[in-house]
Amino acid sequence: MLTGALGGMGGAFCGAFALLFLFEGRSEDALLTFLFAVACFVPVFLWEILHPMPLPILFNRRTREVYFEQDGELYHTAWDDIAAAAYSVSTVGPYTGRMGHAALEALLHRFGHPKETVLINLGSPLGKRLEMQLGFWEYLRAYMNNGPFFDEHGNNSDSREFAEIQQQVRNSKGAWTRLQWDEIKAQYNAKNGRNFLSGSDVVLLLGGVFFLPMNATQNFTYAIAKRRSRRQWPKLIRERLDPNGPTTRLVDLEQAGAE
């Protein structure tokens, strides 16, 4: 986000001004403005792509395991033996009133140290209702047991077509602008071209265009940082993520070592 804000916004505007100065023959001003644009982008870009990213929770369908890394320590559990719990709590305050919260947690143990366990949060941080957390668990269960692909009715499918359509709806380069433009066209068709455009539609469309350099730079930086973060996993995990890698589970290695 920092690279998107400084590089995509500050750097892009300074680069545009540098071109204007160059067209006007003000080469010295153009050079200084261009150097300022580079200074807005390069330092934060290098810092964000080289800074270690928090590793995600991995669900490996090949070995049917769950992996988690924390402070350099590897935690795992076999999917068939996973212990998970979903629960809801409520708090009441004099100023906030009643506030509900729901959590979805799973129990993992440290690799090579079965007695050292950790509870990890599996649910979305936006899901404060128990029903939503249970639905997310069902999504994980269907992914691990049935496969990653499903059709528009939620049934298991061998085709990735519908899943790829869902993945297209994300904040990628120009995605917000395209989605807003499609919404305007849908309203135009639904109302036969009469009174279809509202002020909010104009603001959202122009806002998407305005923030396009920021979003594009942010996504570009994140893609590089994410690709580099894959090497942060231990070799033991990277081998099992390879389609042709070993299929032995970490718990099997622990049991073999204990013997």
Protein backbone atom coordinates (compact mmCIF):
# COMPACT_ATOMS: atom_id res chain seq x y z
CA MET A 1 0.00 0.00 0.00
CA LEU A 2 2.85 2.39 0.80
CA THR A 3 4.39 1.91 -2.64
CA GLY A 4 1.00 2.39 -4.26
CA ALA A 5 0.37 5.64 -2.39
CA LEU A 6 3.83 7.16 -2.81
CA GLY A 7 4.89 5.61 -6.10
CA GLY A 8 1.56 5.17 -7.83
CA MET A 9 0.17 8.56 -6.85
CA GLY A 10 3.09 10.84 -5.96
CA GLY A 11 5.49 9.28 -8.43
CA ALA A 12 2.94 9.17 -11.25
CA PHE A 13 1.94 12.82 -10.85
CA CYS A 14 5.55 13.96 -10.57
CA GLY A 15 6.38 11.93 -13.68
CA ALA A 16 3.54 13.60 -15.56
CA PHE A 17 4.78 17.04 -14.53
CA ALA A 18 8.30 16.07 -15.58
CA LEU A 19 7.00 15.30 -19.07
CA LEU A 20 5.20 18.65 -19.20
CA PHE A 21 8.36 20.48 -18.20
CA LEU A 22 10.29 18.56 -20.83
CA PHE A 23 7.82 19.50 -23.57
CA GLU A 24 8.13 23.14 -22.51
CA GLY A 25 11.90 22.98 -22.83
CA ARG A 26 12.53 23.26 -19.09
CA SER A 27 14.96 20.35 -18.96
CA GLU A 28 16.40 21.21 -15.55
CA ASP A 29 12.95 21.33 -13.91
CA ALA A 30 12.00 18.14 -15.72
CA LEU A 31 15.10 16.34 -14.40
CA LEU A 32 14.52 17.46 -10.81
CA THR A 33 10.86 16.47 -10.95
CA PHE A 34 11.74 13.09 -12.46
CA LEU A 35 14.32 12.44 -9.74
CA PHE A 36 11.70 13.30 -7.13
CA ALA A 37 9.31 10.82 -8.77
CA VAL A 38 11.99 8.13 -8.62
CA ALA A 39 12.64 8.95 -4.97
CA CYS A 40 8.93 8.51 -4.23
CA PHE A 41 8.86 5.07 -5.80
CA VAL A 42 12.17 3.20 -5.61
CA PRO A 43 12.99 3.25 -1.84
CA VAL A 44 9.55 2.14 -0.63
CA PHE A 45 9.27 -0.35 -3.50
CA LEU A 46 12.55 -2.04 -2.56
CA TRP A 47 11.65 -2.02 1.12
CA GLU A 48 8.26 -3.64 0.58
CA ILE A 49 9.42 -6.35 -1.84
CA LEU A 50 12.46 -7.23 0.30
CA HIS A 51 10.67 -7.07 3.65
CA PRO A 52 9.54 -10.58 4.72
CA MET A 53 5.79 -11.00 4.37
CA PRO A 54 3.66 -12.85 6.92
CA LEU A 55 3.23 -16.35 5.55
CA PRO A 56 -0.34 -17.55 4.94
CA ILE A 57 -2.03 -20.61 6.39
CA LEU A 58 -1.53 -23.38 3.83
CA PHE A 59 -4.02 -26.14 3.09
CA ASN A 60 -2.24 -28.90 1.20
CA ARG A 61 -4.67 -31.23 -0.59
CA ARG A 62 -1.86 -33.55 -1.78
CA THR A 63 -0.77 -34.55 1.71
CA ARG A 64 -4.02 -33.48 3.42
CA GLU A 65 -2.26 -31.22 5.90
CA VAL A 66 -2.46 -27.69 7.27
CA TYR A 67 0.73 -25.62 7.70
CA PHE A 68 1.34 -22.48 9.72
CA GLU A 69 4.50 -20.51 10.49
CA GLN A 70 5.03 -18.24 13.47
CA ASP A 71 8.29 -16.60 14.59
CA GLY A 72 10.32 -19.03 12.51
CA GLU A 73 8.61 -22.10 13.98
CA LEU A 74 6.61 -24.51 11.84
CA TYR A 75 3.23 -25.78 13.05
CA HIS A 76 1.05 -28.35 11.34
CA THR A 77 -1.77 -30.84 11.67
CA ALA A 78 -3.22 -33.62 9.56
CA TRP A 79 -6.52 -32.59 8.00
CA ASP A 80 -8.17 -35.90 8.87
CA ASP A 81 -7.31 -35.35 12.55
CA ILE A 82 -7.83 -31.60 12.73
CA ALA A 83 -9.45 -30.16 15.85
CA ALA A 84 -11.42 -27.00 15.12
CA ALA A 85 -14.06 -24.98 16.93
CA ALA A 86 -16.43 -22.17 16.01
CA TYR A 87 -18.04 -20.10 18.74
CA SER A 88 -19.68 -16.74 19.32
CA VAL A 89 -19.35 -14.29 22.18
CA SER A 90 -21.08 -11.02 23.06
CA THR A 91 -19.83 -8.01 24.96
CA VAL A 92 -21.94 -5.24 26.41
CA GLY A 93 -20.61 -1.74 27.10
CA PRO A 94 -22.21 1.47 28.35
CA TYR A 95 -21.31 3.31 25.14
CA THR A 96 -21.28 0.61 22.49
CA GLY A 97 -24.21 -1.51 23.66
CA ARG A 98 -24.16 -5.16 22.70
CA MET A 99 -21.47 -6.24 20.25
CA GLY A 100 -21.33 -9.73 18.80
CA HIS A 101 -18.26 -11.59 17.61
CA ALA A 102 -17.64 -15.06 16.22
CA ALA A 103 -14.39 -16.96 15.77
CA LEU A 104 -13.22 -20.05 13.93
CA GLU A 105 -10.06 -21.62 15.36
CA ALA A 106 -7.99 -24.74 14.77
CA LEU A 107 -5.39 -26.50 16.90
CA LEU A 108 -1.94 -27.16 15.44
CA HIS A 109 1.26 -28.45 17.02
CA ARG A 110 4.88 -27.52 16.49
CA PHE A 111 6.82 -29.76 14.12
CA GLY A 112 8.94 -32.17 16.14
CA HIS A 113 7.36 -31.04 19.41
CA PRO A 114 3.82 -32.52 19.58
CA LYS A 115 3.16 -31.11 23.05
CA GLU A 116 3.68 -27.51 21.92
CA THR A 117 0.39 -26.37 20.40
CA VAL A 118 -1.06 -23.16 19.05
CA LEU A 119 -4.58 -22.00 18.22
CA ILE A 120 -4.85 -20.23 14.87
CA ASN A 121 -7.74 -18.15 13.61
CA LEU A 122 -9.13 -19.58 10.36
CA GLY A 123 -12.17 -17.37 9.93
CA SER A 124 -12.37 -14.15 8.03
CA PRO A 125 -11.79 -11.08 10.24
CA LEU A 126 -14.89 -9.53 8.66
CA GLY A 127 -17.20 -12.36 9.68
CA LYS A 128 -18.60 -11.49 13.08
CA ARG A 129 -21.53 -13.88 12.87
CA LEU A 130 -21.35 -17.53 13.75
CA GLU A 131 -23.26 -18.49 10.59
CA MET A 132 -20.61 -16.83 8.44
CA GLN A 133 -17.75 -18.59 10.22
CA LEU A 134 -19.52 -21.93 9.89
CA GLY A 135 -20.03 -21.24 6.20
CA PHE A 136 -16.32 -20.50 5.82
CA TRP A 137 -15.47 -23.79 7.54
CA GLU A 138 -17.75 -25.61 5.11
CA TYR A 139 -15.89 -23.92 2.25
CA LEU A 140 -12.56 -25.18 3.64
CA ARG A 141 -14.00 -28.65 4.18
CA ALA A 142 -15.34 -28.79 0.62
CA TYR A 143 -11.99 -27.63 -0.75
CA MET A 144 -9.98 -30.27 1.12
CA ASN A 145 -12.44 -33.15 0.64
CA ASN A 146 -14.00 -32.47 -2.76
CA GLY A 147 -11.57 -30.27 -4.65
CA PRO A 148 -11.08 -26.61 -5.49
CA PHE A 149 -13.63 -26.32 -8.31
CA PHE A 150 -17.41 -26.00 -8.13
CA ASP A 151 -20.24 -24.81 -10.35
CA GLU A 152 -22.70 -21.94 -9.92
CA HIS A 153 -24.92 -24.17 -7.76
CA GLY A 154 -22.13 -25.01 -5.32
CA ASN A 155 -21.74 -28.58 -6.53
CA ASN A 156 -18.34 -30.21 -7.00
CA SER A 157 -17.05 -29.87 -10.56
CA ASP A 158 -14.00 -30.91 -12.56
CA SER A 159 -14.11 -27.67 -14.55
CA ARG A 160 -12.29 -24.57 -13.32
CA GLU A 161 -14.38 -22.21 -15.46
CA PHE A 162 -16.76 -20.93 -12.75
CA ALA A 163 -13.93 -20.61 -10.18
CA GLU A 164 -11.91 -18.51 -12.60
CA ILE A 165 -14.90 -16.23 -13.17
CA GLN A 166 -15.13 -15.66 -9.42
CA GLN A 167 -11.42 -14.91 -9.17
CA GLN A 168 -11.75 -12.15 -11.75
CA VAL A 169 -13.77 -10.07 -9.27
CA ARG A 170 -10.87 -8.64 -7.33
CA ASN A 171 -9.00 -5.37 -6.96
CA SER A 172 -6.60 -5.92 -9.85
CA LYS A 173 -5.37 -3.42 -12.40
CA GLY A 174 -8.45 -1.47 -13.49
CA ALA A 175 -10.87 -4.00 -12.00
CA TRP A 176 -12.75 -1.44 -9.92
CA THR A 177 -13.17 0.88 -12.91
CA ARG A 178 -14.39 -1.97 -15.11
CA LEU A 179 -16.86 -3.16 -12.47
CA GLN A 180 -18.27 0.33 -12.00
CA TRP A 181 -18.54 0.85 -15.76
CA ASP A 182 -20.37 -2.46 -16.12
CA GLU A 183 -22.74 -1.37 -13.34
CA ILE A 184 -23.50 1.87 -15.19
CA LYS A 185 -24.18 -0.03 -18.43
CA ALA A 186 -26.47 -2.45 -16.59
CA GLN A 187 -28.46 0.46 -15.14
CA TYR A 188 -28.61 2.08 -18.59
CA ASN A 189 -30.07 -1.07 -20.13
CA ALA A 190 -32.48 -1.66 -17.24
CA LYS A 191 -33.91 1.88 -17.42
CA ASN A 192 -33.78 2.20 -21.22
CA GLY A 193 -31.33 5.09 -21.03
CA ARG A 194 -33.53 7.29 -18.81
CA ASN A 195 -32.43 8.64 -15.43
CA PHE A 196 -29.91 5.84 -15.08
CA LEU A 197 -26.88 7.86 -13.97
CA SER A 198 -26.59 9.05 -10.38
CA GLY A 199 -24.04 11.27 -8.70
CA SER A 200 -22.55 8.35 -6.80
CA ASP A 201 -21.99 6.47 -10.07
CA VAL A 202 -19.99 9.39 -11.46
CA VAL A 203 -17.95 9.78 -8.27
CA LEU A 204 -17.16 6.06 -8.07
CA LEU A 205 -16.20 5.86 -11.75
CA LEU A 206 -13.96 8.93 -11.62
CA GLY A 207 -12.51 7.75 -8.33
CA GLY A 208 -11.59 4.42 -9.90
CA VAL A 209 -9.82 6.20 -12.76
CA PHE A 210 -8.06 8.57 -10.32
CA PHE A 211 -6.76 5.75 -8.12
CA LEU A 212 -5.88 3.45 -11.04
CA PRO A 213 -2.12 4.24 -10.89
CA MET A 214 -2.12 3.58 -7.15
CA ASN A 215 -3.96 0.26 -7.45
CA ALA A 216 -1.82 -0.90 -10.37
CA THR A 217 1.42 -0.07 -8.56
CA GLN A 218 0.19 -1.67 -5.35
CA ASN A 219 -0.82 -4.90 -7.10
CA PHE A 220 2.47 -5.03 -9.01
CA THR A 221 4.46 -4.63 -5.79
CA TYR A 222 2.36 -7.21 -3.97
CA ALA A 223 2.76 -9.76 -6.77
CA ILE A 224 6.55 -9.52 -6.59
CA ALA A 225 6.62 -9.63 -2.78
CA LYS A 226 4.26 -12.62 -2.71
CA ARG A 227 6.32 -14.54 -5.25
CA ARG A 228 9.45 -13.94 -3.20
CA SER A 229 7.73 -14.96 0.04
CA ARG A 230 7.25 -18.51 -1.24
CA ARG A 231 10.96 -19.11 -0.61
CA GLN A 232 10.45 -18.28 3.07
CA TRP A 233 8.80 -21.64 3.68
CA PRO A 234 11.15 -24.41 4.87
CA LYS A 235 12.38 -26.83 2.22
CA LEU A 236 10.29 -29.53 3.89
CA ILE A 237 7.10 -27.62 2.97
CA ARG A 238 8.19 -26.47 -0.48
CA GLU A 239 8.84 -30.09 -1.46
CA ARG A 240 5.30 -31.09 -0.47
CA LEU A 241 3.80 -28.20 -2.40
CA ASP A 242 5.47 -29.45 -5.56
CA PRO A 243 3.04 -31.53 -7.69
CA ASN A 244 5.75 -34.18 -8.01
CA GLY A 245 7.01 -33.89 -4.46
CA PRO A 246 6.75 -36.39 -1.60
CA THR A 247 3.32 -37.30 -0.28
CA THR A 248 4.41 -38.26 3.22
CA ARG A 249 2.84 -36.17 5.95
CA LEU A 250 4.83 -34.30 8.55
CA VAL A 251 3.16 -36.35 11.25
CA ASP A 252 4.49 -39.48 9.51
CA LEU A 253 8.01 -38.05 9.67
CA GLU A 254 7.53 -37.31 13.36
CA GLN A 255 6.38 -40.84 14.06
CA ALA A 256 9.25 -42.32 12.04
CA GLY A 257 11.71 -40.16 13.99
CA ALA A 258 10.21 -41.24 17.30
CA GLU A 259 10.68 -44.88 16.35
